[in-house]
Each structure stands twice: as C-alpha cells, then as structure tokens.
Amino acid sequence: MKAVVTVTPKKSVLDPQGAAVAQALAHHGLENIGKVRIGKSIEIELPAGTIDEARLHQLCRDFLSNPVIEDYTFEIVA
C-alpha cells in the first residue's frame, strides 16, 4: 500500500514560485490561465494493513508540512 501526501501553500500565503511559473507559461503562449500553485508530493510505501490514518494525519501535520503556511491532503492507494 502507498500513501500519497500532497503539501501546498495555504491559499492566504503568497506563492512567488507559482507566480513565476504562471508568468513563464504566459511567455510561452499559454495565456489566460488562472493561478499556479507549487507544492510537493510525497509517496510513502507501507506494508498492507498497517496504515493508521490518525497517525498519518499527525505525521503530515508535525513532520511533512508547516501547518502555519501549508495545507496537506493524503490519499491511500493500493
């Protein structure tokens, strides 16, 4: 089994890297796009049947993200 954790800046936090990518895309002809947000994806392989979602939430909040400026989501994939 695998847990895929996605960490992104909170909506209220400026994302200069995302703004730079949006501007570069516009310069390359991809105009009229919305905001671009840059984040990170973390894949964690776990033995089957060992996923404790409450513990995974705690690890995401305390270790994989900065809860002051970042949000996270995770998905369990077979």
PDB file of N, CA and C in Angstrom:
ATOM      1  N   MET A   1       0.837  -1.175   0.000  1.00  0.00           N
ATOM      2  CA  MET A   1       0.000   0.000   0.000  1.00  0.00           C
ATOM      3  C   MET A   1       0.878   1.232   0.000  1.00  0.00           C
ATOM      4  N   LYS A   2       0.288   2.315  -0.440  1.00  0.00           N
ATOM      5  CA  LYS A   2       1.038   3.547  -0.532  1.00  0.00           C
ATOM      6  C   LYS A   2       0.167   4.708  -0.081  1.00  0.00           C
ATOM      7  N   ALA A   3       0.775   5.641   0.632  1.00  0.00           N
ATOM      8  CA  ALA A   3       0.109   6.901   0.977  1.00  0.00           C
ATOM      9  C   ALA A   3       0.758   7.989   0.139  1.00  0.00           C
ATOM     10  N   VAL A   4      -0.054   8.765  -0.555  1.00  0.00           N
ATOM     11  CA  VAL A   4       0.445   9.886  -1.346  1.00  0.00           C
ATOM     12  C   VAL A   4       0.012  11.164  -0.637  1.00  0.00           C
ATOM     13  N   VAL A   5       0.998  11.917  -0.140  1.00  0.00           N
ATOM     14  CA  VAL A   5       0.747  13.147   0.605  1.00  0.00           C
ATOM     15  C   VAL A   5       1.051  14.325  -0.313  1.00  0.00           C
ATOM     16  N   THR A   6       0.126  15.267  -0.411  1.00  0.00           N
ATOM     17  CA  THR A   6       0.329  16.473  -1.207  1.00  0.00           C
ATOM     18  C   THR A   6       0.328  17.671  -0.270  1.00  0.00           C
ATOM     19  N   VAL A   7       1.409  18.443  -0.316  1.00  0.00           N
ATOM     20  CA  VAL A   7       1.559  19.620   0.532  1.00  0.00           C
ATOM     21  C   VAL A   7       1.600  20.853  -0.368  1.00  0.00           C
ATOM     22  N   THR A   8       0.740  21.836  -0.078  1.00  0.00           N
ATOM     23  CA  THR A   8       0.692  23.065  -0.865  1.00  0.00           C
ATOM     24  C   THR A   8       0.628  24.276   0.061  1.00  0.00           C
ATOM     25  N   PRO A   9       1.041  25.433  -0.447  1.00  0.00           N
ATOM     26  CA  PRO A   9       0.904  26.643   0.370  1.00  0.00           C
ATOM     27  C   PRO A   9      -0.576  26.934   0.643  1.00  0.00           C
ATOM     28  N   LYS A  10      -0.866  27.458   1.808  1.00  0.00           N
ATOM     29  CA  LYS A  10      -2.247  27.861   2.103  1.00  0.00           C
ATOM     30  C   LYS A  10      -2.674  28.939   1.115  1.00  0.00           C
ATOM     31  N   LYS A  11      -3.961  29.015   0.859  1.00  0.00           N
ATOM     32  CA  LYS A  11      -4.488  29.999  -0.104  1.00  0.00           C
ATOM     33  C   LYS A  11      -4.117  31.426   0.282  1.00  0.00           C
ATOM     34  N   SER A  12      -3.990  31.699   1.585  1.00  0.00           N
ATOM     35  CA  SER A  12      -3.693  33.054   2.044  1.00  0.00           C
ATOM     36  C   SER A  12      -2.202  33.395   1.994  1.00  0.00           C
ATOM     37  N   VAL A  13      -1.357  32.414   1.639  1.00  0.00           N
ATOM     38  CA  VAL A  13       0.090  32.620   1.610  1.00  0.00           C
ATOM     39  C   VAL A  13       0.527  32.908   0.176  1.00  0.00           C
ATOM     40  N   LEU A  14       1.352  33.922   0.006  1.00  0.00           N
ATOM     41  CA  LEU A  14       1.884  34.225  -1.317  1.00  0.00           C
ATOM     42  C   LEU A  14       2.732  33.061  -1.811  1.00  0.00           C
ATOM     43  N   ASP A  15       2.661  32.799  -3.110  1.00  0.00           N
ATOM     44  CA  ASP A  15       3.429  31.718  -3.713  1.00  0.00           C
ATOM     45  C   ASP A  15       4.256  32.302  -4.863  1.00  0.00           C
ATOM     46  N   PRO A  16       5.414  32.903  -4.565  1.00  0.00           N
ATOM     47  CA  PRO A  16       6.203  33.541  -5.620  1.00  0.00           C
ATOM     48  C   PRO A  16       6.682  32.555  -6.683  1.00  0.00           C
ATOM     49  N   GLN A  17       6.945  31.319  -6.295  1.00  0.00           N
ATOM     50  CA  GLN A  17       7.366  30.326  -7.279  1.00  0.00           C
ATOM     51  C   GLN A  17       6.221  30.034  -8.256  1.00  0.00           C
ATOM     52  N   GLY A  18       5.020  29.906  -7.732  1.00  0.00           N
ATOM     53  CA  GLY A  18       3.858  29.696  -8.593  1.00  0.00           C
ATOM     54  C   GLY A  18       3.621  30.872  -9.528  1.00  0.00           C
ATOM     55  N   ALA A  19       3.790  32.100  -9.010  1.00  0.00           N
ATOM     56  CA  ALA A  19       3.614  33.292  -9.843  1.00  0.00           C
ATOM     57  C   ALA A  19       4.657  33.333 -10.958  1.00  0.00           C
ATOM     58  N   ALA A  20       5.893  32.945 -10.649  1.00  0.00           N
ATOM     59  CA  ALA A  20       6.949  32.930 -11.661  1.00  0.00           C
ATOM     60  C   ALA A  20       6.648  31.903 -12.754  1.00  0.00           C
ATOM     61  N   VAL A  21       6.139  30.735 -12.352  1.00  0.00           N
ATOM     62  CA  VAL A  21       5.782  29.702 -13.328  1.00  0.00           C
ATOM     63  C   VAL A  21       4.613  30.179 -14.192  1.00  0.00           C
ATOM     64  N   ALA A  22       3.622  30.823 -13.600  1.00  0.00           N
ATOM     65  CA  ALA A  22       2.484  31.345 -14.367  1.00  0.00           C
ATOM     66  C   ALA A  22       2.954  32.358 -15.399  1.00  0.00           C
ATOM     67  N   GLN A  23       3.874  33.210 -14.994  1.00  0.00           N
ATOM     68  CA  GLN A  23       4.400  34.226 -15.915  1.00  0.00           C
ATOM     69  C   GLN A  23       5.197  33.559 -17.045  1.00  0.00           C
ATOM     70  N   ALA A  24       5.992  32.554 -16.723  1.00  0.00           N
ATOM     71  CA  ALA A  24       6.765  31.850 -17.748  1.00  0.00           C
ATOM     72  C   ALA A  24       5.839  31.128 -18.728  1.00  0.00           C
ATOM     73  N   LEU A  25       4.762  30.534 -18.225  1.00  0.00           N
ATOM     74  CA  LEU A  25       3.803  29.866 -19.106  1.00  0.00           C
ATOM     75  C   LEU A  25       3.155  30.865 -20.056  1.00  0.00           C
ATOM     76  N   ALA A  26       2.837  32.040 -19.541  1.00  0.00           N
ATOM     77  CA  ALA A  26       2.251  33.082 -20.397  1.00  0.00           C
ATOM     78  C   ALA A  26       3.232  33.507 -21.486  1.00  0.00           C
ATOM     79  N   HIS A  27       4.504  33.615 -21.139  1.00  0.00           N
ATOM     80  CA  HIS A  27       5.525  33.980 -22.132  1.00  0.00           C
ATOM     81  C   HIS A  27       5.691  32.903 -23.197  1.00  0.00           C
ATOM     82  N   HIS A  28       5.320  31.676 -22.881  1.00  0.00           N
ATOM     83  CA  HIS A  28       5.431  30.585 -23.842  1.00  0.00           C
ATOM     84  C   HIS A  28       4.110  30.304 -24.546  1.00  0.00           C
ATOM     85  N   GLY A  29       3.183  31.240 -24.468  1.00  0.00           N
ATOM     86  CA  GLY A  29       1.960  31.143 -25.248  1.00  0.00           C
ATOM     87  C   GLY A  29       0.759  30.559 -24.536  1.00  0.00           C
ATOM     88  N   LEU A  30       0.894  30.168 -23.287  1.00  0.00           N
ATOM     89  CA  LEU A  30      -0.245  29.634 -22.541  1.00  0.00           C
ATOM     90  C   LEU A  30      -0.841  30.774 -21.728  1.00  0.00           C
ATOM     91  N   GLU A  31      -1.678  31.557 -22.401  1.00  0.00           N
ATOM     92  CA  GLU A  31      -2.251  32.731 -21.762  1.00  0.00           C
ATOM     93  C   GLU A  31      -3.617  32.408 -21.169  1.00  0.00           C
ATOM     94  N   ASN A  32      -4.144  33.347 -20.411  1.00  0.00           N
ATOM     95  CA  ASN A  32      -5.468  33.220 -19.801  1.00  0.00           C
ATOM     96  C   ASN A  32      -5.566  32.029 -18.854  1.00  0.00           C
ATOM     97  N   ILE A  33      -4.493  31.754 -18.138  1.00  0.00           N
ATOM     98  CA  ILE A  33      -4.552  30.689 -17.135  1.00  0.00           C
ATOM     99  C   ILE A  33      -4.788  31.325 -15.777  1.00  0.00           C
ATOM    100  N   GLY A  34      -5.304  30.552 -14.880  1.00  0.00           N
ATOM    101  CA  GLY A  34      -5.531  31.038 -13.523  1.00  0.00           C
ATOM    102  C   GLY A  34      -4.236  31.004 -12.723  1.00  0.00           C
ATOM    103  N   LYS A  35      -4.386  31.034 -11.413  1.00  0.00           N
ATOM    104  CA  LYS A  35      -3.226  30.975 -10.534  1.00  0.00           C
ATOM    105  C   LYS A  35      -2.501  29.647 -10.690  1.00  0.00           C
ATOM    106  N   VAL A  36      -1.210  29.684 -10.461  1.00  0.00           N
ATOM    107  CA  VAL A  36      -0.401  28.471 -10.399  1.00  0.00           C
ATOM    108  C   VAL A  36       0.131  28.377  -8.982  1.00  0.00           C
ATOM    109  N   ARG A  37      -0.052  27.225  -8.360  1.00  0.00           N
ATOM    110  CA  ARG A  37       0.448  26.986  -7.004  1.00  0.00           C
ATOM    111  C   ARG A  37       1.445  25.835  -7.075  1.00  0.00           C
ATOM    112  N   ILE A  38       2.589  26.006  -6.468  1.00  0.00           N
ATOM    113  CA  ILE A  38       3.627  24.985  -6.463  1.00  0.00           C
ATOM    114  C   ILE A  38       3.619  24.305  -5.094  1.00  0.00           C
ATOM    115  N   GLY A  39       3.648  22.996  -5.090  1.00  0.00           N
ATOM    116  CA  GLY A  39       3.671  22.238  -3.848  1.00  0.00           C
ATOM    117  C   GLY A  39       4.624  21.071  -3.969  1.00  0.00           C
ATOM    118  N   LYS A  40       4.427  20.089  -3.127  1.00  0.00           N
ATOM    119  CA  LYS A  40       5.260  18.893  -3.175  1.00  0.00           C
ATOM    120  C   LYS A  40       4.390  17.666  -2.958  1.00  0.00           C
ATOM    121  N   SER A  41       4.831  16.559  -3.535  1.00  0.00           N
ATOM    122  CA  SER A  41       4.133  15.290  -3.400  1.00  0.00           C
ATOM    123  C   SER A  41       5.100  14.299  -2.766  1.00  0.00           C
ATOM    124  N   ILE A  42       4.626  13.595  -1.759  1.00  0.00           N
ATOM    125  CA  ILE A  42       5.453  12.642  -1.030  1.00  0.00           C
ATOM    126  C   ILE A  42       4.754  11.288  -1.074  1.00  0.00           C
ATOM    127  N   GLU A  43       5.437  10.262  -1.572  1.00  0.00           N
ATOM    128  CA  GLU A  43       4.879   8.913  -1.619  1.00  0.00           C
ATOM    129  C   GLU A  43       5.536   8.077  -0.528  1.00  0.00           C
ATOM    130  N   ILE A  44       4.712   7.440   0.291  1.00  0.00           N
ATOM    131  CA  ILE A  44       5.208   6.621   1.391  1.00  0.00           C
ATOM    132  C   ILE A  44       4.677   5.205   1.192  1.00  0.00           C
ATOM    133  N   GLU A  45       5.572   4.249   0.978  1.00  0.00           N
ATOM    134  CA  GLU A  45       5.158   2.859   0.833  1.00  0.00           C
ATOM    135  C   GLU A  45       5.088   2.216   2.209  1.00  0.00           C
ATOM    136  N   LEU A  46       3.966   1.559   2.467  1.00  0.00           N
ATOM    137  CA  LEU A  46       3.716   0.941   3.768  1.00  0.00           C
ATOM    138  C   LEU A  46       3.255  -0.497   3.581  1.00  0.00           C
ATOM    139  N   PRO A  47       3.579  -1.377   4.520  1.00  0.00           N
ATOM    140  CA  PRO A  47       3.062  -2.745   4.436  1.00  0.00           C
ATOM    141  C   PRO A  47       1.529  -2.736   4.501  1.00  0.00           C
ATOM    142  N   ALA A  48       0.906  -3.648   3.796  1.00  0.00           N
ATOM    143  CA  ALA A  48      -0.553  -3.730   3.751  1.00  0.00           C
ATOM    144  C   ALA A  48      -1.126  -3.873   5.161  1.00  0.00           C
ATOM    145  N   GLY A  49      -2.184  -3.148   5.424  1.00  0.00           N
ATOM    146  CA  GLY A  49      -2.881  -3.256   6.693  1.00  0.00           C
ATOM    147  C   GLY A  49      -2.247  -2.514   7.852  1.00  0.00           C
ATOM    148  N   THR A  50      -1.212  -1.719   7.598  1.00  0.00           N
ATOM    149  CA  THR A  50      -0.531  -1.026   8.704  1.00  0.00           C
ATOM    150  C   THR A  50      -0.821   0.467   8.743  1.00  0.00           C
ATOM    151  N   ILE A  51      -1.736   0.936   7.921  1.00  0.00           N
ATOM    152  CA  ILE A  51      -1.987   2.371   7.847  1.00  0.00           C
ATOM    153  C   ILE A  51      -2.957   2.794   8.940  1.00  0.00           C
ATOM    154  N   ASP A  52      -2.495   3.641   9.812  1.00  0.00           N
ATOM    155  CA  ASP A  52      -3.319   4.268  10.845  1.00  0.00           C
ATOM    156  C   ASP A  52      -3.510   5.716  10.402  1.00  0.00           C
ATOM    157  N   GLU A  53      -4.702   6.022   9.880  1.00  0.00           N
ATOM    158  CA  GLU A  53      -4.920   7.347   9.293  1.00  0.00           C
ATOM    159  C   GLU A  53      -4.738   8.471  10.301  1.00  0.00           C
ATOM    160  N   ALA A  54      -5.107   8.252  11.555  1.00  0.00           N
ATOM    161  CA  ALA A  54      -4.911   9.291  12.580  1.00  0.00           C
ATOM    162  C   ALA A  54      -3.424   9.570  12.765  1.00  0.00           C
ATOM    163  N   ARG A  55      -2.624   8.525  12.782  1.00  0.00           N
ATOM    164  CA  ARG A  55      -1.163   8.695  12.918  1.00  0.00           C
ATOM    165  C   ARG A  55      -0.590   9.375  11.683  1.00  0.00           C
ATOM    166  N   LEU A  56      -1.095   9.031  10.503  1.00  0.00           N
ATOM    167  CA  LEU A  56      -0.629   9.661   9.273  1.00  0.00           C
ATOM    168  C   LEU A  56      -0.958  11.154   9.269  1.00  0.00           C
ATOM    169  N   HIS A  57      -2.157  11.514   9.738  1.00  0.00           N
ATOM    170  CA  HIS A  57      -2.502  12.940   9.855  1.00  0.00           C
ATOM    171  C   HIS A  57      -1.512  13.645  10.777  1.00  0.00           C
ATOM    172  N   GLN A  58      -1.196  13.030  11.897  1.00  0.00           N
ATOM    173  CA  GLN A  58      -0.264  13.631  12.846  1.00  0.00           C
ATOM    174  C   GLN A  58       1.114  13.822  12.213  1.00  0.00           C
ATOM    175  N   LEU A  59       1.605  12.822  11.486  1.00  0.00           N
ATOM    176  CA  LEU A  59       2.910  12.935  10.836  1.00  0.00           C
ATOM    177  C   LEU A  59       2.904  14.005   9.748  1.00  0.00           C
ATOM    178  N   CYS A  60       1.810  14.087   8.988  1.00  0.00           N
ATOM    179  CA  CYS A  60       1.707  15.127   7.954  1.00  0.00           C
ATOM    180  C   CYS A  60       1.741  16.516   8.581  1.00  0.00           C
ATOM    181  N   ARG A  61       0.989  16.685   9.644  1.00  0.00           N
ATOM    182  CA  ARG A  61       0.898  17.983  10.311  1.00  0.00           C
ATOM    183  C   ARG A  61       2.210  18.368  10.995  1.00  0.00           C
ATOM    184  N   ASP A  62       2.838  17.413  11.680  1.00  0.00           N
ATOM    185  CA  ASP A  62       4.004  17.728  12.508  1.00  0.00           C
ATOM    186  C   ASP A  62       5.340  17.604  11.787  1.00  0.00           C
ATOM    187  N   PHE A  63       5.395  16.792  10.729  1.00  0.00           N
ATOM    188  CA  PHE A  63       6.690  16.488  10.136  1.00  0.00           C
ATOM    189  C   PHE A  63       6.784  16.838   8.650  1.00  0.00           C
ATOM    190  N   LEU A  64       5.741  16.545   7.887  1.00  0.00           N
ATOM    191  CA  LEU A  64       5.818  16.718   6.440  1.00  0.00           C
ATOM    192  C   LEU A  64       5.382  18.091   5.956  1.00  0.00           C
ATOM    193  N   SER A  65       4.688  18.844   6.791  1.00  0.00           N
ATOM    194  CA  SER A  65       4.232  20.172   6.384  1.00  0.00           C
ATOM    195  C   SER A  65       4.469  21.164   7.513  1.00  0.00           C
ATOM    196  N   ASN A  66       4.407  22.427   7.148  1.00  0.00           N
ATOM    197  CA  ASN A  66       4.455  23.504   8.131  1.00  0.00           C
ATOM    198  C   ASN A  66       3.019  24.021   8.266  1.00  0.00           C
ATOM    199  N   PRO A  67       2.310  23.662   9.334  1.00  0.00           N
ATOM    200  CA  PRO A  67       0.884  23.993   9.431  1.00  0.00           C
ATOM    201  C   PRO A  67       0.587  25.490   9.467  1.00  0.00           C
ATOM    202  N   VAL A  68       1.591  26.314   9.695  1.00  0.00           N
ATOM    203  CA  VAL A  68       1.371  27.761   9.697  1.00  0.00           C
ATOM    204  C   VAL A  68       1.145  28.274   8.272  1.00  0.00           C
ATOM    205  N   ILE A  69       1.876  27.720   7.314  1.00  0.00           N
ATOM    206  CA  ILE A  69       1.800  28.249   5.947  1.00  0.00           C
ATOM    207  C   ILE A  69       1.399  27.212   4.897  1.00  0.00           C
ATOM    208  N   GLU A  70       1.224  25.947   5.295  1.00  0.00           N
ATOM    209  CA  GLU A  70       0.929  24.904   4.311  1.00  0.00           C
ATOM    210  C   GLU A  70      -0.284  24.073   4.715  1.00  0.00           C
ATOM    211  N   ASP A  71      -0.981  23.588   3.694  1.00  0.00           N
ATOM    212  CA  ASP A  71      -2.054  22.620   3.859  1.00  0.00           C
ATOM    213  C   ASP A  71      -1.574  21.289   3.288  1.00  0.00           C
ATOM    214  N   TYR A  72      -2.196  20.219   3.700  1.00  0.00           N
ATOM    215  CA  TYR A  72      -1.841  18.913   3.146  1.00  0.00           C
ATOM    216  C   TYR A  72      -3.103  18.093   2.945  1.00  0.00           C
ATOM    217  N   THR A  73      -2.999  17.166   2.035  1.00  0.00           N
ATOM    218  CA  THR A  73      -4.022  16.134   1.843  1.00  0.00           C
ATOM    219  C   THR A  73      -3.266  14.835   1.645  1.00  0.00           C
ATOM    220  N   PHE A  74      -3.927  13.719   1.896  1.00  0.00           N
ATOM    221  CA  PHE A  74      -3.309  12.449   1.537  1.00  0.00           C
ATOM    222  C   PHE A  74      -4.353  11.495   1.020  1.00  0.00           C
ATOM    223  N   GLU A  75      -3.858  10.543   0.245  1.00  0.00           N
ATOM    224  CA  GLU A  75      -4.713   9.526  -0.358  1.00  0.00           C
ATOM    225  C   GLU A  75      -4.008   8.182  -0.162  1.00  0.00           C
ATOM    226  N   ILE A  76      -4.766   7.192   0.224  1.00  0.00           N
ATOM    227  CA  ILE A  76      -4.237   5.843   0.355  1.00  0.00           C
ATOM    228  C   ILE A  76      -4.513   5.111  -0.956  1.00  0.00           C
ATOM    229  N   VAL A  77      -3.462   4.586  -1.573  1.00  0.00           N
ATOM    230  CA  VAL A  77      -3.594   3.888  -2.838  1.00  0.00           C
ATOM    231  C   VAL A  77      -3.111   2.450  -2.670  1.00  0.00           C
ATOM    232  N   ALA A  78      -3.795   1.551  -3.333  1.00  0.00           N
ATOM    233  CA  ALA A  78      -3.410   0.132  -3.234  1.00  0.00           C
ATOM    234  C   ALA A  78      -2.152  -0.148  -4.004  1.00  0.00           C
TER     235      ALA A  78
END
